[in-house]
Amino acid sequence: MPFERYGVLAGVLQRHFRDQPDDQGRWFHVNLRVDAPAGRYKCAVDVDSKSSATGVQWKVFAMEPVAARAPGYHELKRMPGEGALDYLRHPGLALDAPWRSGSFLEASAALEPILEVGRRILVFGEPFDEGLGMHNVHQNQGDPYGSQWWDENGIWQDGGTVTERPDGRLDVFLSKFSTQAGWTDDDGHPVVGAP
């Protein structure tokens, strides 16, 4: 079943920091603190899956300006033309920028240059059940049958981090886990035999 709630947080980046590696087996994140009218949001951008040799995959690219969103959290309809992200279906994301693979250190290093304090930022994903925050800031479809995330597969509900340059151009960071398929059906489940 897709997420019950999905949306985008628009605000100003206050700071960012990495999780500290430990022996707990937890997922690694680059943590964002974003100021918006309701307060300071905690946002966790996934940068390691801990479940495969290649970990996370990511791409970083620039886009032309798009219509601005008012500051705050906004629920999004999971369909084209409503502001939702879908890595596999959104024409603005179907770019030639290649997916990179590597460690959480490499993924973190790829994301951090676009995280300039004071920049306007958009964080797409699932809001926390309690408190101000966003998680599932990564691809949210294509998880394999039998995985713990199979039931959360869905289209038009992918996460992402977008920051705005002073000239209005946008820097985009997208991430996915190496176990997630690059082609999915209308329910967001992997298509057998597809790339």
C-alpha atoms as a PDB file:
ATOM      1  CA  MET A   1       0.000   0.000   0.000  1.00  0.00           C
ATOM      2  CA  PRO A   2       1.479   3.385  -0.928  1.00  0.00           C
ATOM      3  CA  PHE A   3       2.160   5.933   1.780  1.00  0.00           C
ATOM      4  CA  GLU A   4      -0.890   7.328   3.553  1.00  0.00           C
ATOM      5  CA  ARG A   5       0.689  10.782   3.331  1.00  0.00           C
ATOM      6  CA  TYR A   6       3.164  12.191   0.844  1.00  0.00           C
ATOM      7  CA  GLY A   7       4.257  15.730   0.244  1.00  0.00           C
ATOM      8  CA  VAL A   8       6.898  18.401   0.033  1.00  0.00           C
ATOM      9  CA  LEU A   9       8.391  20.673   2.661  1.00  0.00           C
ATOM     10  CA  ALA A  10       9.426  24.117   1.436  1.00  0.00           C
ATOM     11  CA  GLY A  11      11.654  26.142   3.729  1.00  0.00           C
ATOM     12  CA  VAL A  12      15.127  27.495   4.385  1.00  0.00           C
ATOM     13  CA  LEU A  13      18.062  25.233   5.205  1.00  0.00           C
ATOM     14  CA  GLN A  14      19.297  26.031   8.710  1.00  0.00           C
ATOM     15  CA  ARG A  15      22.019  23.345   8.950  1.00  0.00           C
ATOM     16  CA  HIS A  16      22.976  19.794   7.968  1.00  0.00           C
ATOM     17  CA  PHE A  17      25.049  16.997   9.473  1.00  0.00           C
ATOM     18  CA  ARG A  18      25.794  13.311   8.963  1.00  0.00           C
ATOM     19  CA  ASP A  19      24.794  10.408  11.196  1.00  0.00           C
ATOM     20  CA  GLN A  20      27.763   9.049  13.103  1.00  0.00           C
ATOM     21  CA  PRO A  21      28.712   5.541  11.901  1.00  0.00           C
ATOM     22  CA  ASP A  22      28.321   2.934  14.611  1.00  0.00           C
ATOM     23  CA  ASP A  23      27.934  -0.800  15.108  1.00  0.00           C
ATOM     24  CA  GLN A  24      24.149  -0.634  15.554  1.00  0.00           C
ATOM     25  CA  GLY A  25      23.400  -1.494  11.916  1.00  0.00           C
ATOM     26  CA  ARG A  26      21.219   1.576  11.455  1.00  0.00           C
ATOM     27  CA  TRP A  27      20.732   3.390   8.171  1.00  0.00           C
ATOM     28  CA  PHE A  28      23.016   6.316   7.452  1.00  0.00           C
ATOM     29  CA  HIS A  29      21.489   9.726   6.732  1.00  0.00           C
ATOM     30  CA  VAL A  30      22.458  13.255   5.985  1.00  0.00           C
ATOM     31  CA  ASN A  31      20.234  15.143   8.406  1.00  0.00           C
ATOM     32  CA  LEU A  32      18.731  18.479   7.472  1.00  0.00           C
ATOM     33  CA  ARG A  33      17.222  21.130   9.706  1.00  0.00           C
ATOM     34  CA  VAL A  34      14.762  23.221   7.712  1.00  0.00           C
ATOM     35  CA  ASP A  35      12.977  26.325   8.969  1.00  0.00           C
ATOM     36  CA  ALA A  36       9.357  26.776   7.857  1.00  0.00           C
ATOM     37  CA  PRO A  37       6.363  28.662   9.326  1.00  0.00           C
ATOM     38  CA  ALA A  38       5.346  25.768  11.638  1.00  0.00           C
ATOM     39  CA  GLY A  39       8.869  25.541  13.097  1.00  0.00           C
ATOM     40  CA  ARG A  40      12.125  23.686  12.508  1.00  0.00           C
ATOM     41  CA  TYR A  41      11.732  20.384  10.637  1.00  0.00           C
ATOM     42  CA  LYS A  42      14.029  17.379  10.960  1.00  0.00           C
ATOM     43  CA  CYS A  43      14.617  15.715   7.600  1.00  0.00           C
ATOM     44  CA  ALA A  44      16.554  12.484   7.056  1.00  0.00           C
ATOM     45  CA  VAL A  45      18.017  11.913   3.572  1.00  0.00           C
ATOM     46  CA  ASP A  46      19.018   8.246   3.139  1.00  0.00           C
ATOM     47  CA  VAL A  47      22.581   7.740   1.925  1.00  0.00           C
ATOM     48  CA  ASP A  48      23.152   4.016   2.599  1.00  0.00           C
ATOM     49  CA  SER A  49      21.030   0.891   2.474  1.00  0.00           C
ATOM     50  CA  LYS A  50      23.250  -1.350   4.629  1.00  0.00           C
ATOM     51  CA  SER A  51      21.772  -4.287   2.702  1.00  0.00           C
ATOM     52  CA  SER A  52      23.961  -4.601  -0.376  1.00  0.00           C
ATOM     53  CA  ALA A  53      27.569  -4.293  -1.480  1.00  0.00           C
ATOM     54  CA  THR A  54      26.894  -1.119  -3.484  1.00  0.00           C
ATOM     55  CA  GLY A  55      24.610   0.503  -0.926  1.00  0.00           C
ATOM     56  CA  VAL A  56      22.903   3.540  -2.315  1.00  0.00           C
ATOM     57  CA  GLN A  57      22.778   4.975  -5.819  1.00  0.00           C
ATOM     58  CA  TRP A  58      22.354   8.667  -6.516  1.00  0.00           C
ATOM     59  CA  LYS A  59      22.377  11.389  -9.113  1.00  0.00           C
ATOM     60  CA  VAL A  60      22.885  15.137  -8.828  1.00  0.00           C
ATOM     61  CA  PHE A  61      21.894  17.574 -11.558  1.00  0.00           C
ATOM     62  CA  ALA A  62      20.673  21.129 -12.136  1.00  0.00           C
ATOM     63  CA  MET A  63      17.287  22.228 -13.471  1.00  0.00           C
ATOM     64  CA  GLU A  64      15.754  25.454 -14.691  1.00  0.00           C
ATOM     65  CA  PRO A  65      13.572  27.360 -12.191  1.00  0.00           C
ATOM     66  CA  VAL A  66      10.025  26.156 -11.573  1.00  0.00           C
ATOM     67  CA  ALA A  67       7.085  27.864  -9.891  1.00  0.00           C
ATOM     68  CA  ALA A  68       7.870  28.562  -6.234  1.00  0.00           C
ATOM     69  CA  ARG A  69       5.997  26.840  -3.401  1.00  0.00           C
ATOM     70  CA  ALA A  70       4.912  28.815  -0.367  1.00  0.00           C
ATOM     71  CA  PRO A  71       6.945  27.961   2.757  1.00  0.00           C
ATOM     72  CA  GLY A  72       5.592  25.037   4.792  1.00  0.00           C
ATOM     73  CA  TYR A  73       4.506  21.446   4.305  1.00  0.00           C
ATOM     74  CA  HIS A  74       2.175  20.652   1.384  1.00  0.00           C
ATOM     75  CA  GLU A  75       0.350  17.371   0.767  1.00  0.00           C
ATOM     76  CA  LEU A  76       0.706  16.247  -2.853  1.00  0.00           C
ATOM     77  CA  LYS A  77      -1.609  14.138  -4.964  1.00  0.00           C
ATOM     78  CA  ARG A  78       0.223  11.119  -6.328  1.00  0.00           C
ATOM     79  CA  MET A  79      -0.300  11.819 -10.003  1.00  0.00           C
ATOM     80  CA  PRO A  80       1.361  13.682 -12.878  1.00  0.00           C
ATOM     81  CA  GLY A  81       1.094  17.458 -12.895  1.00  0.00           C
ATOM     82  CA  GLU A  82       0.475  17.755  -9.144  1.00  0.00           C
ATOM     83  CA  GLY A  83       4.067  18.390  -8.059  1.00  0.00           C
ATOM     84  CA  ALA A  84       4.781  14.801  -6.987  1.00  0.00           C
ATOM     85  CA  LEU A  85       8.046  13.095  -7.940  1.00  0.00           C
ATOM     86  CA  ASP A  86       8.351   9.806  -9.775  1.00  0.00           C
ATOM     87  CA  TYR A  87      11.905   8.945 -10.818  1.00  0.00           C
ATOM     88  CA  LEU A  88      10.675   6.640 -13.566  1.00  0.00           C
ATOM     89  CA  ARG A  89       7.759   8.662 -14.967  1.00  0.00           C
ATOM     90  CA  HIS A  90       8.424  12.367 -14.346  1.00  0.00           C
ATOM     91  CA  PRO A  91       9.699  13.957 -17.583  1.00  0.00           C
ATOM     92  CA  GLY A  92      11.867  16.462 -15.699  1.00  0.00           C
ATOM     93  CA  LEU A  93      13.681  13.642 -13.892  1.00  0.00           C
ATOM     94  CA  ALA A  94      14.169  11.353 -16.890  1.00  0.00           C
ATOM     95  CA  LEU A  95      17.497  12.970 -17.633  1.00  0.00           C
ATOM     96  CA  ASP A  96      20.729  11.529 -18.917  1.00  0.00           C
ATOM     97  CA  ALA A  97      22.448  12.141 -15.575  1.00  0.00           C
ATOM     98  CA  PRO A  98      23.861   8.717 -14.692  1.00  0.00           C
ATOM     99  CA  TRP A  99      23.205   6.878 -11.453  1.00  0.00           C
ATOM    100  CA  ARG A 100      26.347   6.656  -9.338  1.00  0.00           C
ATOM    101  CA  SER A 101      26.986   3.814  -6.854  1.00  0.00           C
ATOM    102  CA  GLY A 102      29.138   3.850  -3.757  1.00  0.00           C
ATOM    103  CA  SER A 103      29.411   4.141  -0.013  1.00  0.00           C
ATOM    104  CA  PHE A 104      27.511   6.379   2.365  1.00  0.00           C
ATOM    105  CA  LEU A 105      30.605   8.603   2.472  1.00  0.00           C
ATOM    106  CA  GLU A 106      30.548   9.078  -1.306  1.00  0.00           C
ATOM    107  CA  ALA A 107      26.786   9.678  -1.377  1.00  0.00           C
ATOM    108  CA  SER A 108      27.041  12.182   1.476  1.00  0.00           C
ATOM    109  CA  ALA A 109      29.870  13.984  -0.301  1.00  0.00           C
ATOM    110  CA  ALA A 110      27.745  14.206  -3.473  1.00  0.00           C
ATOM    111  CA  LEU A 111      24.789  15.732  -1.607  1.00  0.00           C
ATOM    112  CA  GLU A 112      26.555  18.191   0.678  1.00  0.00           C
ATOM    113  CA  PRO A 113      27.748  20.739  -1.948  1.00  0.00           C
ATOM    114  CA  ILE A 114      24.134  21.701  -2.714  1.00  0.00           C
ATOM    115  CA  LEU A 115      23.310  22.113   1.006  1.00  0.00           C
ATOM    116  CA  GLU A 116      24.206  25.750   1.511  1.00  0.00           C
ATOM    117  CA  VAL A 117      22.839  27.224   4.730  1.00  0.00           C
ATOM    118  CA  GLY A 118      20.274  29.915   3.969  1.00  0.00           C
ATOM    119  CA  ARG A 119      19.227  28.411   0.631  1.00  0.00           C
ATOM    120  CA  ARG A 120      15.587  27.762  -0.101  1.00  0.00           C
ATOM    121  CA  ILE A 121      15.036  23.996  -0.020  1.00  0.00           C
ATOM    122  CA  LEU A 122      12.353  21.513  -1.036  1.00  0.00           C
ATOM    123  CA  VAL A 123      12.307  18.104   0.651  1.00  0.00           C
ATOM    124  CA  PHE A 124       9.979  15.508  -0.921  1.00  0.00           C
ATOM    125  CA  GLY A 125       8.947  12.420   1.031  1.00  0.00           C
ATOM    126  CA  GLU A 126       6.746  11.166   3.827  1.00  0.00           C
ATOM    127  CA  PRO A 127       6.048  13.374   6.865  1.00  0.00           C
ATOM    128  CA  PHE A 128       6.741  12.043  10.339  1.00  0.00           C
ATOM    129  CA  ASP A 129       3.744  10.597  12.171  1.00  0.00           C
ATOM    130  CA  GLU A 130       4.617  12.803  15.158  1.00  0.00           C
ATOM    131  CA  GLY A 131       6.541  16.058  15.239  1.00  0.00           C
ATOM    132  CA  LEU A 132       7.880  18.143  12.396  1.00  0.00           C
ATOM    133  CA  GLY A 133       9.954  16.137   9.982  1.00  0.00           C
ATOM    134  CA  MET A 134      10.319  14.244   6.722  1.00  0.00           C
ATOM    135  CA  HIS A 135      11.713  10.797   5.938  1.00  0.00           C
ATOM    136  CA  ASN A 136      11.669   8.335   3.037  1.00  0.00           C
ATOM    137  CA  VAL A 137      13.592  10.956   1.073  1.00  0.00           C
ATOM    138  CA  HIS A 138      14.556   8.473  -1.665  1.00  0.00           C
ATOM    139  CA  GLN A 139      12.911   6.327  -4.367  1.00  0.00           C
ATOM    140  CA  ASN A 140       9.784   4.730  -2.914  1.00  0.00           C
ATOM    141  CA  GLN A 141       8.956   2.121  -5.560  1.00  0.00           C
ATOM    142  CA  GLY A 142      10.580  -0.926  -7.080  1.00  0.00           C
ATOM    143  CA  ASP A 143      11.387  -2.739  -3.830  1.00  0.00           C
ATOM    144  CA  PRO A 144      11.540  -6.479  -4.488  1.00  0.00           C
ATOM    145  CA  TYR A 145       8.867  -9.001  -3.560  1.00  0.00           C
ATOM    146  CA  GLY A 146       9.478 -10.310  -0.058  1.00  0.00           C
ATOM    147  CA  SER A 147      11.270  -7.194   1.177  1.00  0.00           C
ATOM    148  CA  GLN A 148       9.923  -5.318   4.187  1.00  0.00           C
ATOM    149  CA  TRP A 149       9.150  -2.342   1.912  1.00  0.00           C
ATOM    150  CA  TRP A 150       7.126  -4.214  -0.748  1.00  0.00           C
ATOM    151  CA  ASP A 151       3.840  -2.956   0.706  1.00  0.00           C
ATOM    152  CA  GLU A 152       5.025   0.673   0.553  1.00  0.00           C
ATOM    153  CA  ASN A 153       5.779   0.559  -3.184  1.00  0.00           C
ATOM    154  CA  GLY A 154       3.827   3.194  -5.077  1.00  0.00           C
ATOM    155  CA  ILE A 155       4.145   5.514  -8.042  1.00  0.00           C
ATOM    156  CA  TRP A 156       4.347   9.315  -7.818  1.00  0.00           C
ATOM    157  CA  GLN A 157       5.610   9.253  -4.232  1.00  0.00           C
ATOM    158  CA  ASP A 158       9.408   9.381  -4.582  1.00  0.00           C
ATOM    159  CA  GLY A 159      11.510  11.559  -2.318  1.00  0.00           C
ATOM    160  CA  GLY A 160      14.180  14.059  -3.222  1.00  0.00           C
ATOM    161  CA  THR A 161      16.154  17.089  -2.086  1.00  0.00           C
ATOM    162  CA  VAL A 162      16.104  20.283  -4.155  1.00  0.00           C
ATOM    163  CA  THR A 163      17.866  23.556  -3.316  1.00  0.00           C
ATOM    164  CA  GLU A 164      17.566  26.894  -5.077  1.00  0.00           C
ATOM    165  CA  ARG A 165      20.594  28.862  -6.234  1.00  0.00           C
ATOM    166  CA  PRO A 166      20.624  32.684  -6.016  1.00  0.00           C
ATOM    167  CA  ASP A 167      19.915  32.825  -9.781  1.00  0.00           C
ATOM    168  CA  GLY A 168      16.807  30.635  -9.367  1.00  0.00           C
ATOM    169  CA  ARG A 169      18.252  27.464 -10.902  1.00  0.00           C
ATOM    170  CA  LEU A 170      17.659  24.301  -8.911  1.00  0.00           C
ATOM    171  CA  ASP A 171      20.138  21.696  -7.698  1.00  0.00           C
ATOM    172  CA  VAL A 172      18.591  18.226  -7.334  1.00  0.00           C
ATOM    173  CA  PHE A 173      19.765  15.170  -5.367  1.00  0.00           C
ATOM    174  CA  LEU A 174      17.919  11.877  -5.924  1.00  0.00           C
ATOM    175  CA  SER A 175      18.776   8.576  -4.267  1.00  0.00           C
ATOM    176  CA  LYS A 176      17.641   4.983  -4.444  1.00  0.00           C
ATOM    177  CA  PHE A 177      18.785   1.667  -3.100  1.00  0.00           C
ATOM    178  CA  SER A 178      20.620  -0.735  -5.379  1.00  0.00           C
ATOM    179  CA  THR A 179      17.964  -3.382  -4.717  1.00  0.00           C
ATOM    180  CA  GLN A 180      15.171  -1.211  -6.192  1.00  0.00           C
ATOM    181  CA  ALA A 181      14.062  -1.856  -9.765  1.00  0.00           C
ATOM    182  CA  GLY A 182      14.476   0.715 -12.516  1.00  0.00           C
ATOM    183  CA  TRP A 183      11.092  -0.147 -14.071  1.00  0.00           C
ATOM    184  CA  THR A 184       7.803  -0.618 -12.223  1.00  0.00           C
ATOM    185  CA  ASP A 185       4.139  -1.347 -12.865  1.00  0.00           C
ATOM    186  CA  ASP A 186       1.196   0.928 -11.993  1.00  0.00           C
ATOM    187  CA  ASP A 187       1.408  -0.215  -8.351  1.00  0.00           C
ATOM    188  CA  GLY A 188       5.113   0.617  -8.094  1.00  0.00           C
ATOM    189  CA  HIS A 189       6.183  -3.044  -8.020  1.00  0.00           C
ATOM    190  CA  PRO A 190       9.135  -4.244 -10.106  1.00  0.00           C
ATOM    191  CA  VAL A 191       8.364  -5.351 -13.651  1.00  0.00           C
ATOM    192  CA  VAL A 192       9.797  -8.834 -14.165  1.00  0.00           C
ATOM    193  CA  GLY A 193      12.395  -8.936 -16.905  1.00  0.00           C
ATOM    194  CA  ALA A 194      12.662  -5.156 -17.188  1.00  0.00           C
ATOM    195  CA  PRO A 195      15.943  -3.239 -16.579  1.00  0.00           C
END
